[in-house]
N, C-alpha and C. Protein backbone atom coordinates (compact mmCIF):
# COMPACT_ATOMS: atom_id res chain seq x y z
N UNK A 1 13.18 -9.86 -28.83
CA UNK A 1 11.78 -10.22 -28.92
C UNK A 1 11.32 -10.08 -30.36
N UNK A 2 10.52 -11.02 -30.83
CA UNK A 2 10.03 -11.00 -32.20
C UNK A 2 8.78 -10.15 -32.28
N UNK A 3 8.46 -9.63 -33.48
CA UNK A 3 7.20 -8.91 -33.65
C UNK A 3 6.04 -9.80 -33.21
N UNK A 4 4.98 -9.17 -32.76
CA UNK A 4 3.85 -9.93 -32.25
C UNK A 4 3.15 -10.69 -33.36
N UNK A 5 2.55 -11.81 -32.98
CA UNK A 5 1.80 -12.64 -33.91
C UNK A 5 0.44 -12.89 -33.28
N UNK A 6 -0.16 -14.00 -33.62
CA UNK A 6 -1.44 -14.35 -33.01
C UNK A 6 -1.33 -14.57 -31.52
N UNK A 7 -0.12 -14.72 -30.98
CA UNK A 7 0.07 -14.95 -29.56
C UNK A 7 0.33 -13.65 -28.81
N UNK A 8 0.09 -12.52 -29.47
CA UNK A 8 0.43 -11.23 -28.87
C UNK A 8 -0.21 -11.02 -27.51
N UNK A 9 -1.46 -11.43 -27.38
CA UNK A 9 -2.14 -11.21 -26.11
C UNK A 9 -1.44 -11.94 -24.97
N UNK A 10 -1.10 -13.22 -25.19
CA UNK A 10 -0.42 -13.97 -24.15
C UNK A 10 0.96 -13.41 -23.86
N UNK A 11 1.69 -13.02 -24.92
CA UNK A 11 3.02 -12.44 -24.74
C UNK A 11 2.90 -11.14 -23.95
N UNK A 12 1.92 -10.32 -24.32
CA UNK A 12 1.72 -9.05 -23.64
C UNK A 12 1.37 -9.26 -22.18
N UNK A 13 0.45 -10.20 -21.93
CA UNK A 13 0.04 -10.46 -20.55
C UNK A 13 1.20 -10.91 -19.69
N UNK A 14 2.03 -11.83 -20.20
CA UNK A 14 3.14 -12.32 -19.40
C UNK A 14 4.19 -11.25 -19.21
N UNK A 15 4.49 -10.49 -20.23
CA UNK A 15 5.49 -9.41 -20.14
C UNK A 15 5.04 -8.37 -19.10
N UNK A 16 3.76 -8.10 -19.07
CA UNK A 16 3.25 -7.05 -18.21
C UNK A 16 3.09 -7.47 -16.76
N UNK A 17 3.34 -8.73 -16.48
CA UNK A 17 3.34 -9.21 -15.10
C UNK A 17 4.76 -9.39 -14.57
N UNK A 18 5.75 -9.21 -15.44
CA UNK A 18 7.14 -9.37 -15.04
C UNK A 18 7.52 -8.34 -13.97
N UNK A 19 8.37 -8.78 -13.06
CA UNK A 19 8.87 -7.88 -12.02
C UNK A 19 10.13 -7.17 -12.52
N UNK A 20 10.39 -6.02 -11.93
CA UNK A 20 11.61 -5.28 -12.24
C UNK A 20 12.81 -6.13 -11.87
N UNK A 21 13.91 -5.88 -12.56
CA UNK A 21 15.16 -6.58 -12.26
C UNK A 21 16.25 -5.55 -11.97
N UNK A 22 17.21 -5.99 -11.18
CA UNK A 22 18.39 -5.16 -10.91
C UNK A 22 19.39 -5.50 -12.01
N UNK A 23 19.73 -4.52 -12.84
CA UNK A 23 20.61 -4.76 -13.98
C UNK A 23 22.06 -4.40 -13.69
N UNK A 24 22.27 -3.57 -12.69
CA UNK A 24 23.60 -3.17 -12.23
C UNK A 24 23.39 -2.52 -10.86
N UNK A 25 24.45 -2.28 -10.10
CA UNK A 25 24.24 -1.66 -8.79
C UNK A 25 23.45 -0.35 -8.92
N UNK A 26 22.49 -0.16 -8.04
CA UNK A 26 21.70 1.07 -7.95
C UNK A 26 20.77 1.29 -9.14
N UNK A 27 20.40 0.21 -9.85
CA UNK A 27 19.59 0.34 -11.07
C UNK A 27 18.51 -0.73 -11.11
N UNK A 28 17.27 -0.30 -11.40
CA UNK A 28 16.18 -1.24 -11.65
C UNK A 28 15.62 -0.98 -13.04
N UNK A 29 15.11 -2.06 -13.65
CA UNK A 29 14.62 -1.98 -15.03
C UNK A 29 13.33 -2.79 -15.14
N UNK A 30 12.34 -2.21 -15.82
CA UNK A 30 11.07 -2.89 -16.10
C UNK A 30 10.79 -2.83 -17.58
N UNK A 31 10.15 -3.86 -18.11
CA UNK A 31 9.71 -3.88 -19.50
C UNK A 31 8.22 -4.15 -19.54
N UNK A 32 7.53 -3.43 -20.41
CA UNK A 32 6.10 -3.64 -20.59
C UNK A 32 5.78 -3.59 -22.08
N UNK A 33 4.88 -4.47 -22.52
CA UNK A 33 4.42 -4.51 -23.90
C UNK A 33 3.03 -3.89 -23.93
N UNK A 34 2.92 -2.75 -24.60
CA UNK A 34 1.72 -1.92 -24.54
C UNK A 34 1.01 -1.86 -25.89
N UNK A 35 -0.29 -1.57 -25.87
CA UNK A 35 -0.98 -1.35 -27.13
C UNK A 35 -0.41 -0.10 -27.80
N UNK A 36 -0.14 -0.19 -29.11
CA UNK A 36 0.43 0.94 -29.84
C UNK A 36 -0.64 1.86 -30.36
N UNK A 37 -0.23 2.73 -31.27
CA UNK A 37 1.09 2.84 -31.87
C UNK A 37 2.08 3.61 -30.98
N UNK A 38 3.29 3.71 -31.45
CA UNK A 38 4.39 4.35 -30.73
C UNK A 38 4.03 5.76 -30.29
N UNK A 39 3.45 6.55 -31.19
CA UNK A 39 3.13 7.95 -30.88
C UNK A 39 2.12 8.06 -29.75
N UNK A 40 1.21 7.11 -29.67
CA UNK A 40 0.22 7.12 -28.59
C UNK A 40 0.90 6.93 -27.24
N UNK A 41 1.80 5.96 -27.14
CA UNK A 41 2.50 5.72 -25.88
C UNK A 41 3.40 6.91 -25.54
N UNK A 42 4.08 7.48 -26.53
CA UNK A 42 4.91 8.66 -26.31
C UNK A 42 4.09 9.79 -25.71
N UNK A 43 2.88 9.99 -26.21
CA UNK A 43 2.00 11.04 -25.68
C UNK A 43 1.69 10.79 -24.21
N UNK A 44 1.50 9.53 -23.82
CA UNK A 44 1.23 9.21 -22.41
C UNK A 44 2.46 9.41 -21.52
N UNK A 45 3.63 9.48 -22.11
CA UNK A 45 4.84 9.79 -21.35
C UNK A 45 5.09 11.28 -21.24
N UNK A 46 4.71 12.03 -22.25
CA UNK A 46 5.18 13.42 -22.36
C UNK A 46 4.11 14.49 -22.24
N UNK A 47 2.86 14.17 -22.48
CA UNK A 47 1.79 15.18 -22.39
C UNK A 47 1.19 15.16 -20.99
N UNK A 48 1.16 16.32 -20.36
CA UNK A 48 0.77 16.42 -18.95
C UNK A 48 -0.56 15.74 -18.64
N UNK A 49 -1.59 16.02 -19.40
CA UNK A 49 -2.92 15.47 -19.09
C UNK A 49 -2.91 13.94 -19.18
N UNK A 50 -2.31 13.41 -20.23
CA UNK A 50 -2.27 11.94 -20.38
C UNK A 50 -1.34 11.32 -19.35
N UNK A 51 -0.20 11.92 -19.08
CA UNK A 51 0.74 11.41 -18.07
C UNK A 51 0.09 11.42 -16.69
N UNK A 52 -0.75 12.43 -16.44
CA UNK A 52 -1.42 12.54 -15.16
C UNK A 52 -2.41 11.42 -14.88
N UNK A 53 -2.85 10.73 -15.91
CA UNK A 53 -3.80 9.62 -15.73
C UNK A 53 -3.12 8.41 -15.06
N UNK A 54 -1.78 8.29 -15.23
CA UNK A 54 -1.10 7.10 -14.72
C UNK A 54 0.10 7.41 -13.82
N UNK A 55 0.60 8.64 -13.87
CA UNK A 55 1.84 8.95 -13.16
C UNK A 55 1.75 10.32 -12.48
N UNK A 56 2.00 11.39 -13.22
CA UNK A 56 2.00 12.73 -12.65
C UNK A 56 1.80 13.75 -13.76
N UNK A 57 1.05 14.81 -13.47
CA UNK A 57 0.90 15.90 -14.42
C UNK A 57 2.11 16.84 -14.31
N UNK A 58 2.10 17.88 -15.11
CA UNK A 58 3.12 18.91 -15.01
C UNK A 58 3.84 19.15 -16.31
N UNK A 59 4.43 20.35 -16.43
CA UNK A 59 5.13 20.70 -17.66
C UNK A 59 6.41 19.89 -17.84
N UNK A 60 6.73 19.64 -19.11
CA UNK A 60 7.93 18.90 -19.46
C UNK A 60 8.47 19.51 -20.75
N UNK A 61 9.62 20.14 -20.65
CA UNK A 61 10.26 20.74 -21.82
C UNK A 61 11.09 19.68 -22.52
N UNK A 62 10.65 19.26 -23.69
CA UNK A 62 11.22 18.11 -24.37
C UNK A 62 12.46 18.49 -25.18
N UNK A 63 13.52 18.85 -24.44
CA UNK A 63 14.82 19.18 -25.02
C UNK A 63 15.87 19.00 -23.95
N UNK A 64 17.12 18.69 -24.32
CA UNK A 64 18.16 18.58 -23.30
C UNK A 64 18.26 19.88 -22.50
N UNK A 65 18.29 19.74 -21.19
CA UNK A 65 18.29 20.90 -20.30
C UNK A 65 16.90 21.39 -19.94
N UNK A 66 15.87 20.79 -20.57
CA UNK A 66 14.49 21.21 -20.31
C UNK A 66 14.05 20.86 -18.90
N UNK A 67 13.20 21.72 -18.36
CA UNK A 67 12.70 21.57 -16.99
C UNK A 67 11.50 20.62 -16.97
N UNK A 68 11.42 19.84 -15.90
CA UNK A 68 10.29 18.93 -15.67
C UNK A 68 9.72 19.20 -14.29
N UNK A 69 8.41 19.28 -14.19
CA UNK A 69 7.72 19.31 -12.90
C UNK A 69 6.75 18.14 -12.89
N UNK A 70 6.81 17.35 -11.85
CA UNK A 70 5.93 16.20 -11.71
C UNK A 70 5.01 16.42 -10.50
N UNK A 71 3.72 16.61 -10.78
CA UNK A 71 2.71 16.86 -9.75
C UNK A 71 1.96 15.55 -9.50
N UNK A 72 2.26 14.91 -8.38
CA UNK A 72 1.67 13.61 -8.05
C UNK A 72 0.40 13.78 -7.23
N UNK A 73 -0.65 13.05 -7.64
CA UNK A 73 -1.89 12.94 -6.87
C UNK A 73 -2.34 11.49 -6.99
N UNK A 74 -1.73 10.64 -6.18
CA UNK A 74 -1.94 9.20 -6.28
C UNK A 74 -3.39 8.78 -6.09
N UNK A 75 -4.12 9.49 -5.24
CA UNK A 75 -5.51 9.12 -4.98
C UNK A 75 -6.39 9.29 -6.22
N UNK A 76 -5.93 10.09 -7.18
CA UNK A 76 -6.73 10.35 -8.38
C UNK A 76 -6.41 9.40 -9.54
N UNK A 77 -5.54 8.42 -9.32
CA UNK A 77 -5.15 7.51 -10.39
C UNK A 77 -6.15 6.38 -10.62
N UNK A 78 -7.13 6.26 -9.73
CA UNK A 78 -8.15 5.23 -9.87
C UNK A 78 -9.49 5.79 -9.43
N UNK A 79 -10.58 5.33 -10.06
CA UNK A 79 -11.90 5.77 -9.61
C UNK A 79 -12.30 5.14 -8.27
N UNK A 80 -11.57 4.12 -7.83
CA UNK A 80 -11.85 3.47 -6.55
C UNK A 80 -11.07 4.19 -5.46
N UNK A 81 -11.77 4.71 -4.48
CA UNK A 81 -11.08 5.43 -3.41
C UNK A 81 -10.65 4.45 -2.31
N UNK A 82 -9.58 4.81 -1.66
CA UNK A 82 -9.06 4.02 -0.55
C UNK A 82 -8.26 4.97 0.34
N UNK A 83 -8.08 4.62 1.60
CA UNK A 83 -7.31 5.49 2.48
C UNK A 83 -5.83 5.51 2.08
N UNK A 84 -5.21 6.66 2.28
CA UNK A 84 -3.77 6.79 2.05
C UNK A 84 -3.04 6.13 3.20
N UNK A 85 -2.04 5.29 2.93
CA UNK A 85 -1.27 4.68 4.03
C UNK A 85 -0.67 5.76 4.93
N UNK A 86 -0.60 5.47 6.21
CA UNK A 86 -0.14 6.45 7.20
C UNK A 86 1.21 7.07 6.81
N UNK A 87 2.12 6.25 6.34
CA UNK A 87 3.46 6.77 6.02
C UNK A 87 3.47 7.72 4.82
N UNK A 88 2.37 7.75 4.05
CA UNK A 88 2.28 8.65 2.90
C UNK A 88 1.26 9.77 3.11
N UNK A 89 0.74 9.90 4.32
CA UNK A 89 -0.29 10.91 4.59
C UNK A 89 0.17 12.32 4.22
N UNK A 90 1.46 12.60 4.39
CA UNK A 90 1.94 13.96 4.09
C UNK A 90 1.83 14.28 2.60
N UNK A 91 1.65 13.24 1.75
CA UNK A 91 1.49 13.45 0.31
C UNK A 91 0.03 13.34 -0.14
N UNK A 92 -0.88 13.23 0.83
CA UNK A 92 -2.28 12.97 0.50
C UNK A 92 -2.87 14.04 -0.42
N UNK A 93 -2.50 15.28 -0.23
CA UNK A 93 -3.02 16.37 -1.07
C UNK A 93 -2.19 16.54 -2.34
N UNK A 94 -1.13 15.77 -2.48
CA UNK A 94 -0.28 15.85 -3.66
C UNK A 94 1.16 16.13 -3.28
N UNK A 95 2.03 15.98 -4.24
CA UNK A 95 3.45 16.21 -4.04
C UNK A 95 4.05 16.64 -5.37
N UNK A 96 5.13 17.41 -5.32
CA UNK A 96 5.78 17.88 -6.54
C UNK A 96 7.25 17.50 -6.51
N UNK A 97 7.72 16.94 -7.61
CA UNK A 97 9.14 16.65 -7.80
C UNK A 97 9.60 17.39 -9.06
N UNK A 98 10.90 17.59 -9.15
CA UNK A 98 11.44 18.33 -10.29
C UNK A 98 12.49 17.49 -10.99
N UNK A 99 12.74 17.83 -12.23
CA UNK A 99 13.74 17.12 -13.00
C UNK A 99 14.27 17.96 -14.13
N UNK A 100 15.21 17.38 -14.84
CA UNK A 100 15.81 18.04 -16.01
C UNK A 100 16.05 17.01 -17.09
N UNK A 101 15.60 17.32 -18.30
CA UNK A 101 15.76 16.42 -19.43
C UNK A 101 17.24 16.32 -19.81
N UNK A 102 17.70 15.09 -19.99
CA UNK A 102 19.08 14.85 -20.43
C UNK A 102 19.09 14.53 -21.93
N UNK A 103 18.20 13.61 -22.33
CA UNK A 103 18.08 13.24 -23.75
C UNK A 103 16.61 13.15 -24.12
N UNK A 104 16.30 13.59 -25.33
CA UNK A 104 14.93 13.49 -25.83
C UNK A 104 14.99 13.23 -27.33
N UNK A 105 14.53 12.05 -27.73
CA UNK A 105 14.52 11.65 -29.13
C UNK A 105 13.13 11.12 -29.47
N UNK A 106 12.16 12.04 -29.68
CA UNK A 106 10.78 11.62 -29.94
C UNK A 106 10.69 10.72 -31.17
N UNK A 107 9.83 9.73 -31.15
CA UNK A 107 9.03 9.23 -30.03
C UNK A 107 9.64 7.96 -29.42
N UNK A 108 10.98 7.92 -29.28
CA UNK A 108 11.62 6.67 -28.88
C UNK A 108 12.42 6.71 -27.58
N UNK A 109 12.88 7.87 -27.14
CA UNK A 109 13.76 7.91 -25.99
C UNK A 109 13.58 9.19 -25.20
N UNK A 110 13.48 9.04 -23.89
CA UNK A 110 13.44 10.18 -22.99
C UNK A 110 14.21 9.81 -21.73
N UNK A 111 15.20 10.64 -21.39
CA UNK A 111 15.97 10.44 -20.16
C UNK A 111 15.95 11.74 -19.39
N UNK A 112 15.69 11.64 -18.07
CA UNK A 112 15.75 12.85 -17.25
C UNK A 112 16.33 12.56 -15.88
N UNK A 113 16.91 13.62 -15.31
CA UNK A 113 17.37 13.58 -13.93
C UNK A 113 16.14 13.84 -13.07
N UNK A 114 16.01 13.05 -12.02
CA UNK A 114 14.90 13.22 -11.08
C UNK A 114 15.51 13.75 -9.80
N UNK A 115 15.16 14.98 -9.45
CA UNK A 115 15.75 15.64 -8.29
C UNK A 115 14.84 15.46 -7.08
N UNK A 116 15.39 14.85 -6.05
CA UNK A 116 14.66 14.62 -4.80
C UNK A 116 15.46 15.22 -3.65
N UNK A 117 14.87 15.22 -2.47
CA UNK A 117 15.55 15.77 -1.30
C UNK A 117 16.85 15.04 -1.00
N UNK A 118 16.87 13.72 -1.27
CA UNK A 118 18.06 12.93 -0.94
C UNK A 118 19.01 12.77 -2.12
N UNK A 119 18.89 13.62 -3.14
CA UNK A 119 19.81 13.58 -4.27
C UNK A 119 19.11 13.42 -5.60
N UNK A 120 19.88 13.03 -6.60
CA UNK A 120 19.35 12.87 -7.95
C UNK A 120 19.45 11.42 -8.38
N UNK A 121 18.47 11.01 -9.16
CA UNK A 121 18.54 9.74 -9.85
C UNK A 121 18.24 10.00 -11.32
N UNK A 122 18.29 8.96 -12.13
CA UNK A 122 18.11 9.15 -13.57
C UNK A 122 17.13 8.11 -14.09
N UNK A 123 16.15 8.56 -14.87
CA UNK A 123 15.12 7.69 -15.43
C UNK A 123 15.19 7.74 -16.95
N UNK A 124 15.17 6.56 -17.59
CA UNK A 124 15.14 6.49 -19.04
C UNK A 124 13.93 5.67 -19.47
N UNK A 125 13.19 6.22 -20.44
CA UNK A 125 12.09 5.52 -21.10
C UNK A 125 12.54 5.24 -22.53
N UNK A 126 12.50 3.97 -22.93
CA UNK A 126 12.83 3.59 -24.30
C UNK A 126 11.62 2.91 -24.92
N UNK A 127 11.25 3.36 -26.10
CA UNK A 127 10.10 2.80 -26.81
C UNK A 127 10.54 2.19 -28.14
N UNK A 128 10.01 1.03 -28.46
CA UNK A 128 10.27 0.43 -29.77
C UNK A 128 9.04 -0.34 -30.21
N UNK A 129 8.79 -0.33 -31.51
CA UNK A 129 7.62 -1.02 -32.07
C UNK A 129 7.83 -2.52 -32.08
N UNK A 130 6.78 -3.24 -31.76
CA UNK A 130 6.74 -4.70 -31.83
C UNK A 130 5.42 -5.07 -32.50
N UNK A 131 5.39 -5.00 -33.83
CA UNK A 131 4.14 -5.21 -34.54
C UNK A 131 3.20 -4.07 -34.21
N UNK A 132 1.98 -4.40 -33.73
CA UNK A 132 1.04 -3.34 -33.34
C UNK A 132 1.18 -2.98 -31.86
N UNK A 133 2.20 -3.51 -31.21
CA UNK A 133 2.47 -3.21 -29.81
C UNK A 133 3.69 -2.31 -29.69
N UNK A 134 3.92 -1.82 -28.49
CA UNK A 134 5.09 -0.99 -28.20
C UNK A 134 5.77 -1.56 -26.97
N UNK A 135 7.06 -1.85 -27.09
CA UNK A 135 7.84 -2.28 -25.95
C UNK A 135 8.35 -1.03 -25.23
N UNK A 136 7.96 -0.88 -23.98
CA UNK A 136 8.43 0.22 -23.14
C UNK A 136 9.41 -0.36 -22.13
N UNK A 137 10.60 0.21 -22.10
CA UNK A 137 11.62 -0.18 -21.12
C UNK A 137 11.88 1.04 -20.24
N UNK A 138 11.68 0.87 -18.94
CA UNK A 138 11.95 1.93 -17.97
C UNK A 138 13.16 1.50 -17.15
N UNK A 139 14.18 2.34 -17.15
CA UNK A 139 15.39 2.06 -16.37
C UNK A 139 15.62 3.22 -15.43
N UNK A 140 15.69 2.93 -14.13
CA UNK A 140 15.89 3.97 -13.11
C UNK A 140 17.25 3.70 -12.46
N UNK A 141 18.18 4.66 -12.61
CA UNK A 141 19.56 4.51 -12.17
C UNK A 141 19.89 5.45 -11.01
N UNK A 142 21.03 5.19 -10.40
CA UNK A 142 21.61 6.05 -9.36
C UNK A 142 20.73 6.11 -8.11
N UNK A 143 20.12 4.99 -7.78
CA UNK A 143 19.30 4.91 -6.58
C UNK A 143 20.22 4.74 -5.37
N UNK A 144 19.99 5.49 -4.30
CA UNK A 144 20.98 5.58 -3.22
C UNK A 144 21.13 4.34 -2.35
N UNK A 145 20.09 3.50 -2.24
CA UNK A 145 20.18 2.35 -1.34
C UNK A 145 19.12 1.32 -1.70
N UNK A 146 19.20 0.15 -1.07
CA UNK A 146 18.27 -0.93 -1.38
C UNK A 146 16.82 -0.55 -1.06
N UNK A 147 16.61 0.11 0.06
CA UNK A 147 15.25 0.52 0.44
C UNK A 147 14.62 1.38 -0.66
N UNK A 148 15.40 2.31 -1.20
CA UNK A 148 14.89 3.16 -2.28
C UNK A 148 14.63 2.32 -3.52
N UNK A 149 15.52 1.38 -3.83
CA UNK A 149 15.32 0.53 -5.00
C UNK A 149 14.02 -0.27 -4.88
N UNK A 150 13.75 -0.79 -3.70
CA UNK A 150 12.52 -1.55 -3.46
C UNK A 150 11.30 -0.65 -3.70
N UNK A 151 11.32 0.55 -3.13
CA UNK A 151 10.20 1.48 -3.30
C UNK A 151 10.03 1.93 -4.74
N UNK A 152 11.14 2.22 -5.41
CA UNK A 152 11.10 2.67 -6.80
C UNK A 152 10.58 1.55 -7.71
N UNK A 153 11.06 0.33 -7.51
CA UNK A 153 10.58 -0.80 -8.32
C UNK A 153 9.08 -1.00 -8.12
N UNK A 154 8.63 -0.97 -6.86
CA UNK A 154 7.20 -1.11 -6.60
C UNK A 154 6.40 0.03 -7.17
N UNK A 155 6.94 1.23 -7.08
CA UNK A 155 6.25 2.41 -7.61
C UNK A 155 6.09 2.35 -9.12
N UNK A 156 7.18 2.06 -9.84
CA UNK A 156 7.07 1.96 -11.29
C UNK A 156 6.14 0.82 -11.69
N UNK A 157 6.23 -0.30 -11.02
CA UNK A 157 5.37 -1.44 -11.34
C UNK A 157 3.90 -1.04 -11.20
N UNK A 158 3.57 -0.36 -10.10
CA UNK A 158 2.19 0.07 -9.87
C UNK A 158 1.75 1.11 -10.89
N UNK A 159 2.60 2.12 -11.13
CA UNK A 159 2.25 3.17 -12.10
C UNK A 159 2.08 2.59 -13.50
N UNK A 160 2.96 1.68 -13.90
CA UNK A 160 2.84 1.10 -15.24
C UNK A 160 1.59 0.23 -15.35
N UNK A 161 1.17 -0.37 -14.25
CA UNK A 161 -0.10 -1.10 -14.25
C UNK A 161 -1.27 -0.17 -14.54
N UNK A 162 -1.23 1.03 -13.97
CA UNK A 162 -2.28 2.03 -14.23
C UNK A 162 -2.24 2.44 -15.71
N UNK A 163 -1.03 2.65 -16.24
CA UNK A 163 -0.89 3.00 -17.66
C UNK A 163 -1.48 1.91 -18.55
N UNK A 164 -1.15 0.67 -18.27
CA UNK A 164 -1.67 -0.45 -19.06
C UNK A 164 -3.19 -0.47 -19.03
N UNK A 165 -3.77 -0.26 -17.86
CA UNK A 165 -5.22 -0.24 -17.76
C UNK A 165 -5.81 0.88 -18.62
N UNK A 166 -5.24 2.09 -18.55
CA UNK A 166 -5.75 3.20 -19.37
C UNK A 166 -5.63 2.89 -20.86
N UNK A 167 -4.49 2.38 -21.28
CA UNK A 167 -4.29 2.10 -22.70
C UNK A 167 -5.22 1.01 -23.20
N UNK A 168 -5.70 0.15 -22.29
CA UNK A 168 -6.64 -0.92 -22.65
C UNK A 168 -8.08 -0.56 -22.34
N UNK A 169 -8.34 0.69 -21.91
CA UNK A 169 -9.71 1.13 -21.66
C UNK A 169 -10.35 0.55 -20.41
N UNK A 170 -9.52 0.20 -19.41
CA UNK A 170 -10.04 -0.37 -18.15
C UNK A 170 -9.86 0.63 -17.02
N UNK A 171 -10.71 0.51 -16.00
CA UNK A 171 -10.51 1.30 -14.78
C UNK A 171 -9.34 0.73 -14.00
N UNK A 172 -8.36 1.58 -13.63
CA UNK A 172 -7.21 1.08 -12.85
C UNK A 172 -7.59 0.69 -11.43
N UNK A 173 -6.82 -0.23 -10.88
CA UNK A 173 -6.97 -0.60 -9.47
C UNK A 173 -6.50 0.57 -8.61
N UNK A 174 -6.92 0.61 -7.35
CA UNK A 174 -6.44 1.67 -6.45
C UNK A 174 -4.91 1.62 -6.36
N UNK A 175 -4.28 2.78 -6.37
CA UNK A 175 -2.82 2.83 -6.42
C UNK A 175 -2.15 2.34 -5.15
N UNK A 176 -2.54 2.90 -3.98
CA UNK A 176 -1.77 2.65 -2.76
C UNK A 176 -1.75 1.19 -2.34
N UNK A 177 -2.90 0.52 -2.37
CA UNK A 177 -2.90 -0.88 -1.95
C UNK A 177 -2.12 -1.74 -2.94
N UNK A 178 -2.20 -1.41 -4.23
CA UNK A 178 -1.41 -2.13 -5.23
C UNK A 178 0.07 -1.91 -4.98
N UNK A 179 0.45 -0.66 -4.75
CA UNK A 179 1.86 -0.34 -4.50
C UNK A 179 2.39 -1.07 -3.26
N UNK A 180 1.63 -1.07 -2.18
CA UNK A 180 2.12 -1.70 -0.95
C UNK A 180 2.33 -3.21 -1.13
N UNK A 181 1.45 -3.88 -1.87
CA UNK A 181 1.64 -5.31 -2.15
C UNK A 181 2.90 -5.53 -2.98
N UNK A 182 3.08 -4.68 -4.00
CA UNK A 182 4.25 -4.82 -4.86
C UNK A 182 5.54 -4.50 -4.11
N UNK A 183 5.51 -3.48 -3.27
CA UNK A 183 6.69 -3.13 -2.50
C UNK A 183 7.12 -4.29 -1.60
N UNK A 184 6.14 -4.93 -0.97
CA UNK A 184 6.45 -6.08 -0.11
C UNK A 184 7.05 -7.22 -0.93
N UNK A 185 6.52 -7.44 -2.13
CA UNK A 185 7.06 -8.48 -3.00
C UNK A 185 8.48 -8.15 -3.45
N UNK A 186 8.72 -6.89 -3.78
CA UNK A 186 10.08 -6.49 -4.18
C UNK A 186 11.06 -6.61 -3.02
N UNK A 187 10.58 -6.37 -1.82
CA UNK A 187 11.46 -6.53 -0.66
C UNK A 187 11.92 -7.97 -0.54
N UNK A 188 11.05 -8.92 -0.94
CA UNK A 188 11.44 -10.33 -0.93
C UNK A 188 12.33 -10.68 -2.13
N UNK A 189 12.07 -10.06 -3.28
CA UNK A 189 12.72 -10.45 -4.52
C UNK A 189 14.09 -9.82 -4.76
N UNK A 190 14.22 -8.53 -4.43
CA UNK A 190 15.46 -7.84 -4.79
C UNK A 190 16.61 -8.26 -3.89
N UNK A 191 17.74 -8.59 -4.47
CA UNK A 191 18.87 -8.99 -3.66
C UNK A 191 19.43 -7.83 -2.86
N UNK A 192 20.16 -8.15 -1.83
CA UNK A 192 20.87 -7.09 -1.10
C UNK A 192 21.77 -6.38 -2.09
N UNK A 193 21.66 -5.06 -2.13
CA UNK A 193 22.40 -4.29 -3.13
C UNK A 193 23.88 -4.26 -2.80
N UNK A 194 24.67 -4.55 -3.81
CA UNK A 194 26.11 -4.49 -3.63
C UNK A 194 26.62 -3.18 -4.21
N UNK A 195 27.54 -2.55 -3.51
CA UNK A 195 28.15 -1.34 -4.04
C UNK A 195 27.35 -0.08 -3.80
N UNK A 196 26.21 -0.18 -3.08
CA UNK A 196 25.49 1.03 -2.74
C UNK A 196 25.09 1.00 -1.28
């Protein structure tokens, strides 16, 4: 991708509507072009208060072997309230996940293991400057099955939409209804997973 020019807005808009792709078995990848600078986007990935606006709060030790706690409160990601879908009611008051940092190269790369009840997966955030914009690439690996890949792709797509809104000074759309629409679309788009 070339540095942004006068067409940056159109390039950013189209990039930010792109769907996640399967890059290898058990792996989904999304790219988003965000308002910079690089350090600002890095802060939204690594600082609890800023990360909590679009994803999850919690401590993050920015070193290999560092502990991560992700405190999710999806209902608080938008000023517009909506009912929690029945299948997620058990998370209505919040949920906590844990992880461990594998690589941390501020302000360009963060990789961590995400520990869940059904095993571990791996998430990498890569940041690079594109003029006054920042290209964010999120790659989520080691997903156990297609159903999880569909949910993870929809989840990242929805969360990154909230991040884009915050970085542009807009109120985000309600999370759950956005996620459910995206999850249904990913169920149509993602191929049957081979090798998992």
